[in-house]
Amino acid sequence: ERNRVFMLQKRLIRLIYDVKPKTSHKNTFIKNRILTFPSIYIYKLCMFVNANRHENYFLPLGDNHTYSTRNSQVLTVPVYFTAKYERSPLYNCVKAFNALPSDIRKIKNK
């Protein structure tokens, strides 16, 4: 389903900007400052985590102890028992947020 949406997005870009079918769309996305569908998904996941960091869903590793460690701001990955959970938005939120550089993770939601 995700690939289908991404292909539809590329088709719309091709129609709007008159890009030939065999041409790469990457430059068109960059030049027109358009996020791809996967990029929008990752952006929304990270924004959700940032807005809800105070909830019990997203706990930093530093909450487990009082030691000052370099990974104290990394969020704990929820424990799961099935592989299906790895495809859930809650799991992907934490993984995407932890993949951000630490300077970006430190930005607080206004």
C-alpha atoms as a PDB file:
ATOM      1  CA  GLU A   1       0.000   0.000   0.000  1.00  0.00           C
ATOM      2  CA  ARG A   2       2.839   2.414   0.839  1.00  0.00           C
ATOM      3  CA  ASN A   3       4.564   1.778  -2.481  1.00  0.00           C
ATOM      4  CA  ARG A   4       1.318   2.439  -4.293  1.00  0.00           C
ATOM      5  CA  VAL A   5       0.965   5.865  -2.650  1.00  0.00           C
ATOM      6  CA  PHE A   6       4.599   6.695  -3.448  1.00  0.00           C
ATOM      7  CA  MET A   7       4.086   5.689  -7.090  1.00  0.00           C
ATOM      8  CA  LEU A   8       0.978   7.889  -7.281  1.00  0.00           C
ATOM      9  CA  GLN A   9       2.977  10.770  -5.838  1.00  0.00           C
ATOM     10  CA  LYS A  10       5.655  10.281  -8.494  1.00  0.00           C
ATOM     11  CA  ARG A  11       2.993  10.150 -11.202  1.00  0.00           C
ATOM     12  CA  LEU A  12       1.545  13.461 -10.004  1.00  0.00           C
ATOM     13  CA  ILE A  13       5.002  15.046  -9.980  1.00  0.00           C
ATOM     14  CA  ARG A  14       5.517  13.788 -13.515  1.00  0.00           C
ATOM     15  CA  LEU A  15       2.244  15.399 -14.632  1.00  0.00           C
ATOM     16  CA  ILE A  16       2.702  18.700 -12.801  1.00  0.00           C
ATOM     17  CA  TYR A  17       6.358  19.308 -13.692  1.00  0.00           C
ATOM     18  CA  ASP A  18       6.351  17.572 -17.085  1.00  0.00           C
ATOM     19  CA  VAL A  19       9.054  15.042 -16.180  1.00  0.00           C
ATOM     20  CA  LYS A  20       9.697  12.206 -18.612  1.00  0.00           C
ATOM     21  CA  PRO A  21       8.752   8.723 -17.326  1.00  0.00           C
ATOM     22  CA  LYS A  22      12.276   7.258 -17.386  1.00  0.00           C
ATOM     23  CA  THR A  23      13.848  10.298 -15.704  1.00  0.00           C
ATOM     24  CA  SER A  24      14.771  10.278 -12.024  1.00  0.00           C
ATOM     25  CA  HIS A  25      12.363  12.275  -9.882  1.00  0.00           C
ATOM     26  CA  LYS A  26      14.867  12.954  -7.109  1.00  0.00           C
ATOM     27  CA  ASN A  27      16.066  16.278  -8.538  1.00  0.00           C
ATOM     28  CA  THR A  28      12.473  17.414  -9.107  1.00  0.00           C
ATOM     29  CA  PHE A  29      11.604  16.728  -5.469  1.00  0.00           C
ATOM     30  CA  ILE A  30      14.701  18.590  -4.258  1.00  0.00           C
ATOM     31  CA  LYS A  31      14.380  21.545  -6.632  1.00  0.00           C
ATOM     32  CA  ASN A  32      10.720  22.121  -5.736  1.00  0.00           C
ATOM     33  CA  ARG A  33      11.237  21.394  -2.029  1.00  0.00           C
ATOM     34  CA  ILE A  34       8.712  18.549  -1.957  1.00  0.00           C
ATOM     35  CA  LEU A  35       8.975  15.760   0.599  1.00  0.00           C
ATOM     36  CA  THR A  36       8.510  12.238  -0.671  1.00  0.00           C
ATOM     37  CA  PHE A  37       5.799  10.098   0.894  1.00  0.00           C
ATOM     38  CA  PRO A  38       8.279   8.089   3.026  1.00  0.00           C
ATOM     39  CA  SER A  39       9.891  11.354   4.184  1.00  0.00           C
ATOM     40  CA  ILE A  40       6.513  12.762   5.198  1.00  0.00           C
ATOM     41  CA  TYR A  41       5.787   9.579   7.174  1.00  0.00           C
ATOM     42  CA  ILE A  42       9.114   9.794   9.055  1.00  0.00           C
ATOM     43  CA  TYR A  43       8.626  13.520   9.663  1.00  0.00           C
ATOM     44  CA  LYS A  44       5.154  12.955  11.123  1.00  0.00           C
ATOM     45  CA  LEU A  45       6.423  10.119  13.338  1.00  0.00           C
ATOM     46  CA  CYS A  46       9.158  12.335  14.774  1.00  0.00           C
ATOM     47  CA  MET A  47       6.764  15.243  15.275  1.00  0.00           C
ATOM     48  CA  PHE A  48       4.377  12.937  17.157  1.00  0.00           C
ATOM     49  CA  VAL A  49       7.156  11.791  19.478  1.00  0.00           C
ATOM     50  CA  ASN A  50       8.334  15.351  20.054  1.00  0.00           C
ATOM     51  CA  ALA A  51       4.807  16.529  20.886  1.00  0.00           C
ATOM     52  CA  ASN A  52       4.142  13.603  23.255  1.00  0.00           C
ATOM     53  CA  ARG A  53       7.504  13.137  24.948  1.00  0.00           C
ATOM     54  CA  HIS A  54       6.010  13.888  28.355  1.00  0.00           C
ATOM     55  CA  GLU A  55       3.644  10.899  28.054  1.00  0.00           C
ATOM     56  CA  ASN A  56       4.562   7.481  29.414  1.00  0.00           C
ATOM     57  CA  TYR A  57       4.898   6.093  25.879  1.00  0.00           C
ATOM     58  CA  PHE A  58       8.308   7.633  25.286  1.00  0.00           C
ATOM     59  CA  LEU A  59      10.758   7.310  28.157  1.00  0.00           C
ATOM     60  CA  PRO A  60      14.446   8.240  27.794  1.00  0.00           C
ATOM     61  CA  LEU A  61      17.077   5.745  28.907  1.00  0.00           C
ATOM     62  CA  GLY A  62      18.257   8.275  31.501  1.00  0.00           C
ATOM     63  CA  ASP A  63      15.035   7.785  33.479  1.00  0.00           C
ATOM     64  CA  ASN A  64      16.142   4.267  34.450  1.00  0.00           C
ATOM     65  CA  HIS A  65      19.178   5.425  36.467  1.00  0.00           C
ATOM     66  CA  THR A  66      20.966   8.515  37.763  1.00  0.00           C
ATOM     67  CA  TYR A  67      24.232   8.073  35.852  1.00  0.00           C
ATOM     68  CA  SER A  68      25.216  10.659  33.265  1.00  0.00           C
ATOM     69  CA  THR A  69      25.608   8.737  30.003  1.00  0.00           C
ATOM     70  CA  ARG A  70      25.848   9.863  26.393  1.00  0.00           C
ATOM     71  CA  ASN A  71      22.696   7.926  25.466  1.00  0.00           C
ATOM     72  CA  SER A  72      20.545   9.279  28.273  1.00  0.00           C
ATOM     73  CA  GLN A  73      18.275  11.108  25.796  1.00  0.00           C
ATOM     74  CA  VAL A  74      17.739   8.064  23.568  1.00  0.00           C
ATOM     75  CA  LEU A  75      14.206   6.767  23.973  1.00  0.00           C
ATOM     76  CA  THR A  76      13.657   3.220  25.178  1.00  0.00           C
ATOM     77  CA  VAL A  77      12.363   0.894  22.498  1.00  0.00           C
ATOM     78  CA  PRO A  78       9.140  -0.751  23.679  1.00  0.00           C
ATOM     79  CA  VAL A  79       9.337  -4.451  24.486  1.00  0.00           C
ATOM     80  CA  TYR A  80       7.378  -6.553  22.037  1.00  0.00           C
ATOM     81  CA  PHE A  81       6.594 -10.217  21.619  1.00  0.00           C
ATOM     82  CA  THR A  82       5.612 -10.476  17.954  1.00  0.00           C
ATOM     83  CA  ALA A  83       7.301  -9.414  14.739  1.00  0.00           C
ATOM     84  CA  LYS A  84       4.071  -7.689  13.733  1.00  0.00           C
ATOM     85  CA  TYR A  85       4.727  -5.048  16.404  1.00  0.00           C
ATOM     86  CA  GLU A  86       7.869  -3.951  14.515  1.00  0.00           C
ATOM     87  CA  ARG A  87       5.570  -2.590  11.809  1.00  0.00           C
ATOM     88  CA  SER A  88       3.424  -0.615  14.260  1.00  0.00           C
ATOM     89  CA  PRO A  89       3.572   3.187  14.283  1.00  0.00           C
ATOM     90  CA  LEU A  90       4.467   3.319  17.992  1.00  0.00           C
ATOM     91  CA  TYR A  91       7.566   1.170  17.472  1.00  0.00           C
ATOM     92  CA  ASN A  92       8.534   3.082  14.320  1.00  0.00           C
ATOM     93  CA  CYS A  93       8.115   6.415  16.145  1.00  0.00           C
ATOM     94  CA  VAL A  94      10.796   5.512  18.647  1.00  0.00           C
ATOM     95  CA  LYS A  95      13.149   4.047  16.035  1.00  0.00           C
ATOM     96  CA  ALA A  96      12.828   7.103  13.759  1.00  0.00           C
ATOM     97  CA  PHE A  97      13.275   9.562  16.635  1.00  0.00           C
ATOM     98  CA  ASN A  98      16.356   7.742  17.943  1.00  0.00           C
ATOM     99  CA  ALA A  99      17.887   7.871  14.448  1.00  0.00           C
ATOM    100  CA  LEU A 100      17.845  11.686  14.522  1.00  0.00           C
ATOM    101  CA  PRO A 101      21.057  13.520  15.465  1.00  0.00           C
ATOM    102  CA  SER A 102      21.220  14.375  19.171  1.00  0.00           C
ATOM    103  CA  ASP A 103      21.061  18.133  18.499  1.00  0.00           C
ATOM    104  CA  ILE A 104      17.691  17.727  16.814  1.00  0.00           C
ATOM    105  CA  ARG A 105      16.404  15.368  19.509  1.00  0.00           C
ATOM    106  CA  LYS A 106      17.109  18.010  22.170  1.00  0.00           C
ATOM    107  CA  ILE A 107      14.769  20.549  20.555  1.00  0.00           C
ATOM    108  CA  LYS A 108      11.695  20.986  22.717  1.00  0.00           C
ATOM    109  CA  ASN A 109       8.181  21.302  21.346  1.00  0.00           C
ATOM    110  CA  LYS A 110       6.789  24.845  21.671  1.00  0.00           C
END
